[in-house]
C-alpha cells in the first residue's frame, strides 16, 4: 500500500489520460469511443434517481446501473471538466450511500456497489467536499468491508469458489480497499490479504 500512487490511481491515472488527449485528434476510433461514453454520460444526466429496489434476492440491477453511471459520468468529468458530470456522479453516489445496506446476502450486489463508489471516490477527488469523502468512506466500510470480512471469516460461498462470484466479489472489495488505503490501512491490508488467499 505504501507504493500506491496519488488519486486518481484506479484503472487510469493521470498520465494515460493525458496520452489519450494527445492521441484523440488523430485517432478516429478513439474519438468514437470517447464520443460514445460522453453520449452515455449525457443520458445519465437526465436519468431518474437510483432506488433501493430488491428483485427476488437481488439488488444487482441497481448496483450495476450505478457502476455504469459512475464510470461514464466520472470519465466525462475527467475528460471535459464540465461540473454537470461530477455533480451527477455525486448525486448517484450520495443516493446509494444512503441506502440501508448494499444487500450483502447477495454479495455480488455489494461488491459492484463498492466498486462504483470507490471509482467515484478516486476519480472525483479534486471536486469532492470533505463531507462527501467521509460519507463514501463510511458507506464502504459499513456496507462492504464489514460484510466482506464476515464472508472471508466463514470461508464458504464465493471466497472458496472457482466461478465468477469469486472474481467479482474480491475485485469489488480490492478496488475499494485501494481507493481508501490512506484512511483505512488496516482494513485495506486485510482485504488484500484475504482476497489474495481467496483467488
Protein backbone atom coordinates (compact mmCIF):
# COMPACT_ATOMS: atom_id res chain seq x y z
CA UNK A 1 0.00 0.00 0.00
CA UNK A 2 2.91 2.35 0.63
CA UNK A 3 3.70 2.28 -3.09
CA UNK A 4 0.26 3.47 -4.21
CA UNK A 5 0.10 6.49 -6.49
CA UNK A 6 -1.91 9.58 -5.51
CA UNK A 7 -5.50 9.84 -6.69
CA UNK A 8 -6.58 9.05 -9.34
CA UNK A 9 -4.92 5.66 -9.10
CA UNK A 10 -7.58 3.16 -10.20
CA UNK A 11 -7.86 1.86 -13.77
CA UNK A 12 -6.50 5.04 -15.36
CA UNK A 13 -4.29 7.55 -13.59
CA UNK A 14 -3.35 10.97 -14.96
CA UNK A 15 -0.52 10.13 -17.45
CA UNK A 16 -2.57 7.68 -19.57
CA UNK A 17 -5.45 10.16 -19.68
CA UNK A 18 -3.10 12.87 -20.97
CA UNK A 19 -1.72 10.45 -23.54
CA UNK A 20 -5.26 9.79 -24.75
CA UNK A 21 -5.88 13.52 -25.06
CA UNK A 22 -2.85 13.85 -27.34
CA UNK A 23 -3.91 10.83 -29.40
CA UNK A 24 -7.54 11.93 -29.65
CA UNK A 25 -7.19 14.39 -32.54
CA UNK A 26 -5.57 11.87 -34.88
CA UNK A 27 -7.31 8.65 -33.83
CA UNK A 28 -10.75 8.14 -35.33
CA UNK A 29 -11.52 5.02 -33.31
CA UNK A 30 -10.58 6.75 -30.06
CA UNK A 31 -12.77 9.73 -30.93
CA UNK A 32 -15.70 7.37 -31.44
CA UNK A 33 -15.07 5.65 -28.09
CA UNK A 34 -14.90 8.98 -26.28
CA UNK A 35 -17.99 10.30 -28.08
CA UNK A 36 -19.90 7.13 -27.15
CA UNK A 37 -19.02 7.49 -23.46
CA UNK A 38 -19.89 11.20 -23.46
CA UNK A 39 -23.21 10.43 -25.12
CA UNK A 40 -23.95 7.84 -22.44
CA UNK A 41 -22.96 10.31 -19.73
CA UNK A 42 -25.32 12.89 -21.24
CA UNK A 43 -28.18 10.39 -21.00
CA UNK A 44 -27.31 9.76 -17.36
CA UNK A 45 -27.59 13.49 -16.64
CA UNK A 46 -31.34 13.07 -17.14
CA UNK A 47 -31.71 9.62 -15.58
CA UNK A 48 -34.08 9.20 -12.62
CA UNK A 49 -32.53 8.67 -9.19
CA UNK A 50 -31.49 5.17 -8.23
CA UNK A 51 -33.77 3.44 -5.75
CA UNK A 52 -33.37 0.59 -3.30
CA UNK A 53 -35.27 -1.94 -5.39
CA UNK A 54 -34.84 -5.61 -4.47
CA UNK A 55 -35.92 -8.04 -7.22
CA UNK A 56 -36.07 -11.57 -5.84
CA UNK A 57 -32.89 -11.83 -3.77
CA UNK A 58 -31.03 -9.20 -5.80
CA UNK A 59 -30.18 -5.52 -5.80
CA UNK A 60 -27.72 -6.29 -8.59
CA UNK A 61 -29.53 -4.36 -11.34
CA UNK A 62 -29.25 -1.21 -9.19
CA UNK A 63 -25.59 -1.82 -8.35
CA UNK A 64 -24.64 -2.36 -11.97
CA UNK A 65 -26.69 0.63 -13.08
CA UNK A 66 -24.79 2.71 -10.54
CA UNK A 67 -21.47 1.31 -11.74
CA UNK A 68 -22.25 2.15 -15.38
CA UNK A 69 -23.34 5.65 -14.43
CA UNK A 70 -20.24 6.34 -12.36
CA UNK A 71 -17.77 5.17 -14.99
CA UNK A 72 -19.45 7.24 -17.72
CA UNK A 73 -20.06 10.36 -15.67
CA UNK A 74 -16.72 10.37 -13.88
CA UNK A 75 -14.85 9.81 -17.14
CA UNK A 76 -16.87 12.58 -18.79
CA UNK A 77 -15.89 14.95 -15.98
CA UNK A 78 -12.22 13.98 -16.21
CA UNK A 79 -12.29 14.45 -19.98
CA UNK A 80 -14.23 17.73 -20.11
CA UNK A 81 -14.07 19.15 -16.55
CA UNK A 82 -17.74 20.03 -17.01
CA UNK A 83 -19.19 20.17 -13.47
CA UNK A 84 -22.53 18.80 -14.65
CA UNK A 85 -20.93 15.37 -14.89
CA UNK A 86 -19.23 15.40 -11.49
CA UNK A 87 -22.40 16.65 -9.81
CA UNK A 88 -24.50 13.96 -11.46
CA UNK A 89 -21.99 11.30 -10.40
CA UNK A 90 -22.06 12.63 -6.85
CA UNK A 91 -25.84 12.66 -6.79
CA UNK A 92 -25.80 8.96 -7.62
CA UNK A 93 -23.15 8.22 -5.01
CA UNK A 94 -24.95 10.14 -2.28
CA UNK A 95 -28.11 8.20 -3.09
CA UNK A 96 -26.56 4.74 -2.81
CA UNK A 97 -24.50 5.67 0.25
CA UNK A 98 -27.81 6.48 1.96
CA UNK A 99 -29.25 3.02 1.22
CA UNK A 100 -29.87 0.96 4.35
CA UNK A 101 -27.47 -1.68 3.00
CA UNK A 102 -25.99 -2.96 -0.26
CA UNK A 103 -27.75 -6.33 0.02
CA UNK A 104 -24.81 -8.33 1.33
CA UNK A 105 -26.87 -11.53 1.36
CA UNK A 106 -26.33 -11.49 -2.43
CA UNK A 107 -22.74 -10.30 -2.28
CA UNK A 108 -22.37 -9.55 -5.98
CA UNK A 109 -24.65 -6.58 -5.31
CA UNK A 110 -22.40 -5.31 -2.52
CA UNK A 111 -19.19 -5.77 -4.48
CA UNK A 112 -20.46 -3.92 -7.54
CA UNK A 113 -21.75 -1.05 -5.40
CA UNK A 114 -18.43 -0.81 -3.56
CA UNK A 115 -16.67 -0.77 -6.94
CA UNK A 116 -18.87 2.12 -8.13
CA UNK A 117 -18.42 4.25 -5.02
CA UNK A 118 -14.67 3.59 -4.98
CA UNK A 119 -14.25 4.76 -8.60
CA UNK A 120 -16.16 7.95 -7.78
CA UNK A 121 -14.01 8.46 -4.68
CA UNK A 122 -10.81 8.02 -6.67
CA UNK A 123 -11.61 9.80 -9.93
CA UNK A 124 -13.52 12.76 -8.48
CA UNK A 125 -11.09 13.63 -5.66
CA UNK A 126 -10.43 17.22 -6.84
CA UNK A 127 -14.09 18.17 -6.56
CA UNK A 128 -15.12 16.13 -3.52
CA UNK A 129 -16.08 18.03 -0.39
CA UNK A 130 -14.77 16.55 2.85
CA UNK A 131 -18.27 15.55 3.89
CA UNK A 132 -18.73 13.60 0.65
CA UNK A 133 -15.41 11.82 1.14
CA UNK A 134 -16.40 10.91 4.69
CA UNK A 135 -19.83 9.71 3.53
CA UNK A 136 -18.28 7.45 0.90
CA UNK A 137 -15.64 6.05 3.24
CA UNK A 138 -18.22 5.27 5.91
CA UNK A 139 -20.59 3.60 3.43
CA UNK A 140 -17.83 1.40 2.03
CA UNK A 141 -16.61 0.44 5.49
CA UNK A 142 -20.11 -0.31 6.81
CA UNK A 143 -21.75 -1.90 3.78
CA UNK A 144 -18.77 -3.59 2.09
CA UNK A 145 -15.72 -4.07 4.32
CA UNK A 146 -17.59 -5.25 7.42
CA UNK A 147 -19.74 -7.65 5.42
CA UNK A 148 -16.77 -8.79 3.35
CA UNK A 149 -14.76 -9.68 6.44
CA UNK A 150 -17.69 -11.75 7.67
CA UNK A 151 -17.70 -13.64 4.35
CA UNK A 152 -13.95 -14.21 4.49
CA UNK A 153 -14.14 -15.44 8.07
CA UNK A 154 -16.74 -18.09 7.36
CA UNK A 155 -14.90 -19.03 4.13
CA UNK A 156 -17.81 -20.66 2.36
CA UNK A 157 -19.54 -19.49 -0.79
CA UNK A 158 -17.71 -17.06 -3.06
CA UNK A 159 -14.41 -16.79 -1.11
CA UNK A 160 -13.90 -20.53 -1.66
CA UNK A 161 -15.41 -20.75 -5.15
CA UNK A 162 -13.93 -21.01 -8.64
CA UNK A 163 -16.70 -19.23 -10.57
CA UNK A 164 -17.26 -15.56 -11.42
CA UNK A 165 -18.54 -14.64 -7.96
CA UNK A 166 -15.00 -15.08 -6.66
CA UNK A 167 -13.57 -12.60 -9.16
CA UNK A 168 -16.37 -10.03 -8.93
CA UNK A 169 -16.65 -10.04 -5.13
CA UNK A 170 -12.91 -9.98 -4.48
CA UNK A 171 -12.37 -7.32 -7.13
CA UNK A 172 -15.05 -5.00 -5.77
CA UNK A 173 -13.52 -5.20 -2.30
CA UNK A 174 -9.99 -4.80 -3.66
CA UNK A 175 -10.90 -1.71 -5.68
CA UNK A 176 -12.49 -0.15 -2.61
CA UNK A 177 -9.52 -1.11 -0.42
CA UNK A 178 -7.10 0.57 -2.82
CA UNK A 179 -9.27 3.68 -3.09
CA UNK A 180 -9.45 4.16 0.68
CA UNK A 181 -5.99 2.88 1.62
CA UNK A 182 -4.73 6.10 3.23
CA UNK A 183 -7.71 6.22 5.57
CA UNK A 184 -8.26 2.51 6.18
CA UNK A 185 -4.75 0.99 6.14
CA UNK A 186 -5.55 -1.93 8.45
CA UNK A 187 -8.81 -2.82 6.73
CA UNK A 188 -7.31 -2.35 3.26
CA UNK A 189 -4.34 -4.57 4.12
CA UNK A 190 -6.67 -7.23 5.46
CA UNK A 191 -8.82 -7.10 2.30
CA UNK A 192 -5.72 -7.53 0.12
CA UNK A 193 -4.54 -10.48 2.20
CA UNK A 194 -7.94 -12.19 2.22
CA UNK A 195 -8.51 -11.62 -1.50
CA UNK A 196 -5.06 -12.99 -2.34
CA UNK A 197 -5.87 -16.14 -0.38
CA UNK A 198 -9.32 -16.36 -1.96
CA UNK A 199 -8.11 -16.01 -5.56
